[in-house]
Full PDB file with SEQRES, HELIX, SHEET, SSBOND, CRYST1, ORIGX, SCALE, CONECT and MASTER records, all heavy atoms in Angstrom:
SEQRES   1 A   33  ASN THR VAL PHE LEU GLN MET ASN SER LEU LYS PRO GLU          
SEQRES   2 A   33  ASP THR ALA VAL TYR TYR CYS ALA ALA ARG ASN THR ILE          
SEQRES   3 A   33  LEU VAL TYR THR ILE SER GLY                                  
HELIX    1 AA1 PRO A   12  ASP A   14  5                                   3    
CRYST1    1.000    1.000    1.000  90.00  90.00  90.00 P 1           1          
ORIGX1      1.000000  0.000000  0.000000        0.00000                         
ORIGX2      0.000000  1.000000  0.000000        0.00000                         
ORIGX3      0.000000  0.000000  1.000000        0.00000                         
SCALE1      1.000000  0.000000  0.000000        0.00000                         
SCALE2      0.000000  1.000000  0.000000        0.00000                         
SCALE3      0.000000  0.000000  1.000000        0.00000                         
ATOM      1  N   ASN A   1     114.525 162.084 107.158  1.00  0.00           N  
ATOM      2  CA  ASN A   1     113.221 161.903 106.505  1.00  0.00           C  
ATOM      3  C   ASN A   1     113.362 161.431 105.063  1.00  0.00           C  
ATOM      4  O   ASN A   1     112.700 161.942 104.153  1.00  0.00           O  
ATOM      5  CB  ASN A   1     112.424 163.211 106.533  1.00  0.00           C  
ATOM      6  CG  ASN A   1     111.796 163.484 107.878  1.00  0.00           C  
ATOM      7  OD1 ASN A   1     112.249 162.992 108.915  1.00  0.00           O  
ATOM      8  ND2 ASN A   1     110.733 164.283 107.885  1.00  0.00           N  
ATOM      9  N   THR A   2     114.213 160.450 104.876  1.00  0.00           N  
ATOM     10  CA  THR A   2     114.490 159.972 103.528  1.00  0.00           C  
ATOM     11  C   THR A   2     114.529 158.454 103.454  1.00  0.00           C  
ATOM     12  O   THR A   2     115.059 157.790 104.349  1.00  0.00           O  
ATOM     13  CB  THR A   2     115.835 160.523 103.020  1.00  0.00           C  
ATOM     14  OG1 THR A   2     115.826 161.950 103.103  1.00  0.00           O  
ATOM     15  CG2 THR A   2     116.066 160.128 101.567  1.00  0.00           C  
ATOM     16  N   VAL A   3     113.958 157.922 102.389  1.00  0.00           N  
ATOM     17  CA  VAL A   3     114.030 156.494 102.120  1.00  0.00           C  
ATOM     18  C   VAL A   3     114.764 156.332 100.794  1.00  0.00           C  
ATOM     19  O   VAL A   3     114.632 157.166  99.893  1.00  0.00           O  
ATOM     20  CB  VAL A   3     112.627 155.844 102.067  1.00  0.00           C  
ATOM     21  CG1 VAL A   3     111.799 156.432 100.930  1.00  0.00           C  
ATOM     22  CG2 VAL A   3     112.755 154.335 101.918  1.00  0.00           C  
ATOM     23  N   PHE A   4     115.561 155.276 100.696  1.00  0.00           N  
ATOM     24  CA  PHE A   4     116.375 155.050  99.511  1.00  0.00           C  
ATOM     25  C   PHE A   4     116.054 153.711  98.862  1.00  0.00           C  
ATOM     26  O   PHE A   4     115.566 152.789  99.509  1.00  0.00           O  
ATOM     27  CB  PHE A   4     117.865 155.054  99.872  1.00  0.00           C  
ATOM     28  CG  PHE A   4     118.322 156.289 100.583  1.00  0.00           C  
ATOM     29  CD1 PHE A   4     118.388 156.326 101.972  1.00  0.00           C  
ATOM     30  CD2 PHE A   4     118.698 157.417  99.876  1.00  0.00           C  
ATOM     31  CE1 PHE A   4     118.816 157.459 102.638  1.00  0.00           C  
ATOM     32  CE2 PHE A   4     119.129 158.565 100.525  1.00  0.00           C  
ATOM     33  CZ  PHE A   4     119.188 158.585 101.908  1.00  0.00           C  
ATOM     34  N   LEU A   5     116.360 153.634  97.599  1.00  0.00           N  
ATOM     35  CA  LEU A   5     116.282 152.372  96.882  1.00  0.00           C  
ATOM     36  C   LEU A   5     117.559 152.246  96.071  1.00  0.00           C  
ATOM     37  O   LEU A   5     117.733 152.938  95.066  1.00  0.00           O  
ATOM     38  CB  LEU A   5     115.063 152.310  95.950  1.00  0.00           C  
ATOM     39  CG  LEU A   5     114.913 150.986  95.194  1.00  0.00           C  
ATOM     40  CD1 LEU A   5     114.599 149.858  96.177  1.00  0.00           C  
ATOM     41  CD2 LEU A   5     113.812 151.089  94.140  1.00  0.00           C  
ATOM     42  N   GLN A   6     118.448 151.391  96.540  1.00  0.00           N  
ATOM     43  CA  GLN A   6     119.683 151.129  95.822  1.00  0.00           C  
ATOM     44  C   GLN A   6     119.419 150.027  94.821  1.00  0.00           C  
ATOM     45  O   GLN A   6     119.008 148.927  95.194  1.00  0.00           O  
ATOM     46  CB  GLN A   6     120.785 150.701  96.798  1.00  0.00           C  
ATOM     47  CG  GLN A   6     122.109 150.346  96.132  1.00  0.00           C  
ATOM     48  CD  GLN A   6     122.787 151.531  95.489  1.00  0.00           C  
ATOM     49  OE1 GLN A   6     122.865 152.602  96.086  1.00  0.00           O  
ATOM     50  NE2 GLN A   6     123.260 151.354  94.259  1.00  0.00           N  
ATOM     51  N   MET A   7     119.642 150.313  93.565  1.00  0.00           N  
ATOM     52  CA  MET A   7     119.386 149.351  92.503  1.00  0.00           C  
ATOM     53  C   MET A   7     120.692 148.995  91.811  1.00  0.00           C  
ATOM     54  O   MET A   7     121.355 149.862  91.241  1.00  0.00           O  
ATOM     55  CB  MET A   7     118.384 149.913  91.498  1.00  0.00           C  
ATOM     56  CG  MET A   7     117.054 150.325  92.120  1.00  0.00           C  
ATOM     57  SD  MET A   7     115.828 150.833  90.884  1.00  0.00           S  
ATOM     58  CE  MET A   7     116.591 152.348  90.292  1.00  0.00           C  
ATOM     59  N   ASN A   8     121.048 147.728  91.875  1.00  0.00           N  
ATOM     60  CA  ASN A   8     122.263 147.243  91.245  1.00  0.00           C  
ATOM     61  C   ASN A   8     121.921 146.275  90.124  1.00  0.00           C  
ATOM     62  O   ASN A   8     120.820 145.742  90.060  1.00  0.00           O  
ATOM     63  CB  ASN A   8     123.160 146.541  92.272  1.00  0.00           C  
ATOM     64  CG  ASN A   8     123.608 147.449  93.389  1.00  0.00           C  
ATOM     65  OD1 ASN A   8     123.824 148.639  93.190  1.00  0.00           O  
ATOM     66  ND2 ASN A   8     123.776 146.882  94.581  1.00  0.00           N  
ATOM     67  N   SER A   9     122.880 146.052  89.265  1.00  0.00           N  
ATOM     68  CA  SER A   9     122.706 145.115  88.152  1.00  0.00           C  
ATOM     69  C   SER A   9     121.414 145.373  87.399  1.00  0.00           C  
ATOM     70  O   SER A   9     120.628 144.461  87.135  1.00  0.00           O  
ATOM     71  CB  SER A   9     122.736 143.668  88.677  1.00  0.00           C  
ATOM     72  OG  SER A   9     123.950 143.393  89.343  1.00  0.00           O  
ATOM     73  N   LEU A  10     121.202 146.602  87.059  1.00  0.00           N  
ATOM     74  CA  LEU A  10     119.961 146.989  86.392  1.00  0.00           C  
ATOM     75  C   LEU A  10     119.809 146.314  85.038  1.00  0.00           C  
ATOM     76  O   LEU A  10     120.782 146.097  84.314  1.00  0.00           O  
ATOM     77  CB  LEU A  10     119.902 148.499  86.236  1.00  0.00           C  
ATOM     78  CG  LEU A  10     119.583 149.250  87.533  1.00  0.00           C  
ATOM     79  CD1 LEU A  10     119.900 150.726  87.388  1.00  0.00           C  
ATOM     80  CD2 LEU A  10     118.117 149.045  87.899  1.00  0.00           C  
ATOM     81  N   LYS A  11     118.572 146.009  84.726  1.00  0.00           N  
ATOM     82  CA  LYS A  11     118.214 145.358  83.481  1.00  0.00           C  
ATOM     83  C   LYS A  11     117.238 146.234  82.711  1.00  0.00           C  
ATOM     84  O   LYS A  11     116.542 147.055  83.301  1.00  0.00           O  
ATOM     85  CB  LYS A  11     117.561 143.998  83.767  1.00  0.00           C  
ATOM     86  CG  LYS A  11     118.379 143.069  84.641  1.00  0.00           C  
ATOM     87  CD  LYS A  11     117.590 141.822  84.989  1.00  0.00           C  
ATOM     88  CE  LYS A  11     118.385 140.896  85.887  1.00  0.00           C  
ATOM     89  NZ  LYS A  11     117.612 139.676  86.246  1.00  0.00           N  
ATOM     90  N   PRO A  12     117.163 146.051  81.395  1.00  0.00           N  
ATOM     91  CA  PRO A  12     116.216 146.847  80.607  1.00  0.00           C  
ATOM     92  C   PRO A  12     114.783 146.732  81.123  1.00  0.00           C  
ATOM     93  O   PRO A  12     114.030 147.707  81.053  1.00  0.00           O  
ATOM     94  CB  PRO A  12     116.352 146.251  79.204  1.00  0.00           C  
ATOM     95  CG  PRO A  12     117.774 145.802  79.154  1.00  0.00           C  
ATOM     96  CD  PRO A  12     118.023 145.225  80.529  1.00  0.00           C  
ATOM     97  N   GLU A  13     114.410 145.576  81.647  1.00  0.00           N  
ATOM     98  CA  GLU A  13     113.067 145.388  82.158  1.00  0.00           C  
ATOM     99  C   GLU A  13     112.795 146.161  83.445  1.00  0.00           C  
ATOM    100  O   GLU A  13     111.662 146.199  83.919  1.00  0.00           O  
ATOM    101  CB  GLU A  13     112.746 143.901  82.371  1.00  0.00           C  
ATOM    102  CG  GLU A  13     113.797 143.154  83.176  1.00  0.00           C  
ATOM    103  CD  GLU A  13     114.762 142.387  82.297  1.00  0.00           C  
ATOM    104  OE1 GLU A  13     115.273 142.977  81.317  1.00  0.00           O  
ATOM    105  OE2 GLU A  13     115.011 141.203  82.572  1.00  0.00           O  
ATOM    106  N   ASP A  14     113.826 146.779  84.004  1.00  0.00           N  
ATOM    107  CA  ASP A  14     113.651 147.625  85.173  1.00  0.00           C  
ATOM    108  C   ASP A  14     113.188 149.022  84.779  1.00  0.00           C  
ATOM    109  O   ASP A  14     112.873 149.839  85.644  1.00  0.00           O  
ATOM    110  CB  ASP A  14     114.954 147.735  85.968  1.00  0.00           C  
ATOM    111  CG  ASP A  14     115.364 146.416  86.606  1.00  0.00           C  
ATOM    112  OD1 ASP A  14     114.478 145.688  87.096  1.00  0.00           O  
ATOM    113  OD2 ASP A  14     116.578 146.127  86.625  1.00  0.00           O  
ATOM    114  N   THR A  15     113.166 149.290  83.498  1.00  0.00           N  
ATOM    115  CA  THR A  15     112.736 150.592  83.004  1.00  0.00           C  
ATOM    116  C   THR A  15     111.295 150.860  83.411  1.00  0.00           C  
ATOM    117  O   THR A  15     110.400 150.080  83.109  1.00  0.00           O  
ATOM    118  CB  THR A  15     112.860 150.663  81.475  1.00  0.00           C  
ATOM    119  OG1 THR A  15     114.242 150.559  81.110  1.00  0.00           O  
ATOM    120  CG2 THR A  15     112.316 151.981  80.951  1.00  0.00           C  
ATOM    121  N   ALA A  16     111.095 151.958  84.103  1.00  0.00           N  
ATOM    122  CA  ALA A  16     109.771 152.306  84.597  1.00  0.00           C  
ATOM    123  C   ALA A  16     109.840 153.626  85.346  1.00  0.00           C  
ATOM    124  O   ALA A  16     110.921 154.154  85.608  1.00  0.00           O  
ATOM    125  CB  ALA A  16     109.242 151.216  85.533  1.00  0.00           C  
ATOM    126  N   VAL A  17     108.687 154.125  85.688  1.00  0.00           N  
ATOM    127  CA  VAL A  17     108.610 155.266  86.587  1.00  0.00           C  
ATOM    128  C   VAL A  17     108.534 154.681  87.985  1.00  0.00           C  
ATOM    129  O   VAL A  17     107.673 153.844  88.266  1.00  0.00           O  
ATOM    130  CB  VAL A  17     107.373 156.144  86.316  1.00  0.00           C  
ATOM    131  CG1 VAL A  17     107.282 157.258  87.357  1.00  0.00           C  
ATOM    132  CG2 VAL A  17     107.452 156.746  84.919  1.00  0.00           C  
ATOM    133  N   TYR A  18     109.422 155.095  88.838  1.00  0.00           N  
ATOM    134  CA  TYR A  18     109.471 154.583  90.200  1.00  0.00           C  
ATOM    135  C   TYR A  18     108.825 155.563  91.160  1.00  0.00           C  
ATOM    136  O   TYR A  18     109.154 156.748  91.166  1.00  0.00           O  
ATOM    137  CB  TYR A  18     110.918 154.312  90.610  1.00  0.00           C  
ATOM    138  CG  TYR A  18     111.467 153.053  89.995  1.00  0.00           C  
ATOM    139  CD1 TYR A  18     111.749 152.995  88.629  1.00  0.00           C  
ATOM    140  CD2 TYR A  18     111.683 151.908  90.767  1.00  0.00           C  
ATOM    141  CE1 TYR A  18     112.223 151.831  88.044  1.00  0.00           C  
ATOM    142  CE2 TYR A  18     112.166 150.743  90.187  1.00  0.00           C  
ATOM    143  CZ  TYR A  18     112.432 150.709  88.833  1.00  0.00           C  
ATOM    144  OH  TYR A  18     112.912 149.549  88.252  1.00  0.00           O  
ATOM    145  N   TYR A  19     107.919 155.040  91.967  1.00  0.00           N  
ATOM    146  CA  TYR A  19     107.160 155.858  92.901  1.00  0.00           C  
ATOM    147  C   TYR A  19     107.461 155.498  94.348  1.00  0.00           C  
ATOM    148  O   TYR A  19     107.626 154.330  94.690  1.00  0.00           O  
ATOM    149  CB  TYR A  19     105.660 155.687  92.674  1.00  0.00           C  
ATOM    150  CG  TYR A  19     105.172 156.130  91.323  1.00  0.00           C  
ATOM    151  CD1 TYR A  19     105.124 155.246  90.250  1.00  0.00           C  
ATOM    152  CD2 TYR A  19     104.735 157.438  91.122  1.00  0.00           C  
ATOM    153  CE1 TYR A  19     104.665 155.650  89.003  1.00  0.00           C  
ATOM    154  CE2 TYR A  19     104.274 157.853  89.883  1.00  0.00           C  
ATOM    155  CZ  TYR A  19     104.238 156.950  88.831  1.00  0.00           C  
ATOM    156  OH  TYR A  19     103.777 157.358  87.595  1.00  0.00           O  
ATOM    157  N   CYS A  20     107.485 156.495  95.170  1.00  0.00           N  
ATOM    158  CA  CYS A  20     107.642 156.336  96.601  1.00  0.00           C  
ATOM    159  C   CYS A  20     106.260 156.430  97.238  1.00  0.00           C  
ATOM    160  O   CYS A  20     105.433 157.249  96.825  1.00  0.00           O  
ATOM    161  CB  CYS A  20     108.559 157.438  97.138  1.00  0.00           C  
ATOM    162  SG  CYS A  20     108.773 157.440  98.927  1.00  0.00           S  
ATOM    163  N   ALA A  21     106.002 155.584  98.201  1.00  0.00           N  
ATOM    164  CA  ALA A  21     104.703 155.577  98.865  1.00  0.00           C  
ATOM    165  C   ALA A  21     104.870 155.479 100.375  1.00  0.00           C  
ATOM    166  O   ALA A  21     105.873 154.950 100.864  1.00  0.00           O  
ATOM    167  CB  ALA A  21     103.863 154.410  98.354  1.00  0.00           C  
ATOM    168  N   ALA A  22     103.885 155.961 101.097  1.00  0.00           N  
ATOM    169  CA  ALA A  22     103.955 155.952 102.548  1.00  0.00           C  
ATOM    170  C   ALA A  22     102.598 155.668 103.176  1.00  0.00           C  
ATOM    171  O   ALA A  22     101.549 155.984 102.614  1.00  0.00           O  
ATOM    172  CB  ALA A  22     104.475 157.295 103.058  1.00  0.00           C  
ATOM    173  N   ARG A  23     102.644 155.065 104.337  1.00  0.00           N  
ATOM    174  CA  ARG A  23     101.452 154.857 105.145  1.00  0.00           C  
ATOM    175  C   ARG A  23     101.850 154.778 106.600  1.00  0.00           C  
ATOM    176  O   ARG A  23     102.833 154.114 106.944  1.00  0.00           O  
ATOM    177  CB  ARG A  23     100.705 153.583 104.742  1.00  0.00           C  
ATOM    178  CG  ARG A  23      99.474 153.348 105.605  1.00  0.00           C  
ATOM    179  CD  ARG A  23      98.649 152.173 105.147  1.00  0.00           C  
ATOM    180  NE  ARG A  23      97.553 151.911 106.069  1.00  0.00           N  
ATOM    181  CZ  ARG A  23      96.614 150.991 105.901  1.00  0.00           C  
ATOM    182  NH1 ARG A  23      96.640 150.233 104.802  1.00  0.00           N  
ATOM    183  NH2 ARG A  23      95.668 150.819 106.791  1.00  0.00           N  
ATOM    184  N   ASN A  24     101.096 155.441 107.432  1.00  0.00           N  
ATOM    185  CA  ASN A  24     101.346 155.428 108.859  1.00  0.00           C  
ATOM    186  C   ASN A  24     100.875 154.086 109.415  1.00  0.00           C  
ATOM    187  O   ASN A  24      99.703 153.910 109.734  1.00  0.00           O  
ATOM    188  CB  ASN A  24     100.607 156.584 109.533  1.00  0.00           C  
ATOM    189  CG  ASN A  24     101.035 156.789 110.971  1.00  0.00           C  
ATOM    190  OD1 ASN A  24     101.454 155.854 111.645  1.00  0.00           O  
ATOM    191  ND2 ASN A  24     100.930 158.022 111.443  1.00  0.00           N  
ATOM    192  N   THR A  25     101.802 153.166 109.517  1.00  0.00           N  
ATOM    193  CA  THR A  25     101.471 151.826 109.986  1.00  0.00           C  
ATOM    194  C   THR A  25     102.719 151.109 110.467  1.00  0.00           C  
ATOM    195  O   THR A  25     103.829 151.409 110.024  1.00  0.00           O  
ATOM    196  CB  THR A  25     100.800 151.000 108.871  1.00  0.00           C  
ATOM    197  OG1 THR A  25     100.546 149.672 109.343  1.00  0.00           O  
ATOM    198  CG2 THR A  25     101.713 150.905 107.651  1.00  0.00           C  
ATOM    199  N   ILE A  26     102.517 150.150 111.324  1.00  0.00           N  
ATOM    200  CA  ILE A  26     103.626 149.347 111.807  1.00  0.00           C  
ATOM    201  C   ILE A  26     103.916 148.199 110.837  1.00  0.00           C  
ATOM    202  O   ILE A  26     104.985 147.592 110.883  1.00  0.00           O  
ATOM    203  CB  ILE A  26     103.312 148.787 113.219  1.00  0.00           C  
ATOM    204  CG1 ILE A  26     104.572 148.210 113.857  1.00  0.00           C  
ATOM    205  CG2 ILE A  26     102.218 147.724 113.133  1.00  0.00           C  
ATOM    206  CD1 ILE A  26     104.380 147.797 115.302  1.00  0.00           C  
ATOM    207  N   LEU A  27     102.970 147.938 109.951  1.00  0.00           N  
ATOM    208  CA  LEU A  27     103.098 146.849 109.000  1.00  0.00           C  
ATOM    209  C   LEU A  27     103.890 147.246 107.763  1.00  0.00           C  
ATOM    210  O   LEU A  27     104.113 148.426 107.490  1.00  0.00           O  
ATOM    211  CB  LEU A  27     101.715 146.351 108.584  1.00  0.00           C  
ATOM    212  CG  LEU A  27     100.796 145.896 109.710  1.00  0.00           C  
ATOM    213  CD1 LEU A  27      99.443 145.489 109.141  1.00  0.00           C  
ATOM    214  CD2 LEU A  27     101.420 144.733 110.466  1.00  0.00           C  
ATOM    215  N   VAL A  28     104.297 146.246 106.996  1.00  0.00           N  
ATOM    216  CA  VAL A  28     104.994 146.446 105.733  1.00  0.00           C  
ATOM    217  C   VAL A  28     104.078 145.921 104.631  1.00  0.00           C  
ATOM    218  O   VAL A  28     103.857 144.716 104.533  1.00  0.00           O  
ATOM    219  CB  VAL A  28     106.344 145.712 105.701  1.00  0.00           C  
ATOM    220  CG1 VAL A  28     107.013 145.903 104.344  1.00  0.00           C  
ATOM    221  CG2 VAL A  28     107.250 146.215 106.803  1.00  0.00           C  
ATOM    222  N   TYR A  29     103.562 146.814 103.820  1.00  0.00           N  
ATOM    223  CA  TYR A  29     102.629 146.442 102.771  1.00  0.00           C  
ATOM    224  C   TYR A  29     103.295 146.308 101.414  1.00  0.00           C  
ATOM    225  O   TYR A  29     104.220 147.049 101.077  1.00  0.00           O  
ATOM    226  CB  TYR A  29     101.501 147.466 102.679  1.00  0.00           C  
ATOM    227  CG  TYR A  29     100.557 147.441 103.849  1.00  0.00           C  
ATOM    228  CD1 TYR A  29     100.567 148.462 104.797  1.00  0.00           C  
ATOM    229  CD2 TYR A  29      99.656 146.395 104.010  1.00  0.00           C  
ATOM    230  CE1 TYR A  29      99.696 148.443 105.874  1.00  0.00           C  
ATOM    231  CE2 TYR A  29      98.784 146.371 105.084  1.00  0.00           C  
ATOM    232  CZ  TYR A  29      98.806 147.394 106.013  1.00  0.00           C  
ATOM    233  OH  TYR A  29      97.941 147.369 107.077  1.00  0.00           O  
ATOM    234  N   THR A  30     102.788 145.367 100.643  1.00  0.00           N  
ATOM    235  CA  THR A  30     103.307 145.122  99.301  1.00  0.00           C  
ATOM    236  C   THR A  30     102.259 145.405  98.233  1.00  0.00           C  
ATOM    237  O   THR A  30     102.510 145.182  97.053  1.00  0.00           O  
ATOM    238  CB  THR A  30     103.786 143.669  99.158  1.00  0.00           C  
ATOM    239  OG1 THR A  30     102.691 142.772  99.379  1.00  0.00           O  
ATOM    240  CG2 THR A  30     104.886 143.373 100.172  1.00  0.00           C  
ATOM    241  N   ILE A  31     101.105 145.895  98.640  1.00  0.00           N  
ATOM    242  CA  ILE A  31     100.026 146.203  97.721  1.00  0.00           C  
ATOM    243  C   ILE A  31      99.872 147.713  97.625  1.00  0.00           C  
ATOM    244  O   ILE A  31      99.749 148.396  98.639  1.00  0.00           O  
ATOM    245  CB  ILE A  31      98.709 145.554  98.188  1.00  0.00           C  
ATOM    246  CG1 ILE A  31      98.876 144.036  98.273  1.00  0.00           C  
ATOM    247  CG2 ILE A  31      97.559 145.916  97.257  1.00  0.00           C  
ATOM    248  CD1 ILE A  31      97.674 143.315  98.849  1.00  0.00           C  
ATOM    249  N   SER A  32      99.842 148.218  96.416  1.00  0.00           N  
ATOM    250  CA  SER A  32      99.790 149.659  96.215  1.00  0.00           C  
ATOM    251  C   SER A  32      98.584 150.315  96.873  1.00  0.00           C  
ATOM    252  O   SER A  32      98.678 151.427  97.397  1.00  0.00           O  
ATOM    253  CB  SER A  32      99.818 149.990  94.718  1.00  0.00           C  
ATOM    254  OG  SER A  32      98.690 149.439  94.053  1.00  0.00           O  
ATOM    255  N   GLY A  33      97.450 149.620  96.852  1.00  0.00           N  
ATOM    256  CA  GLY A  33      96.227 150.163  97.416  1.00  0.00           C  
ATOM    257  C   GLY A  33      96.277 150.388  98.914  1.00  0.00           C  
ATOM    258  O   GLY A  33      95.430 151.089  99.465  1.00  0.00           O  
TER     259      GLY A  33                                                      
MASTER        0    0    0    1    0    0    0    6  258    1    0    3          
END                                                                             
């Protein structure tokens, strides 16, 4: 029950709060809403 995000070659512009999100769907969404 875990999802990962491997981040390589990090840049200063990657600085942020990173959030995990979920939705019961077969689709892959790229919009937060």
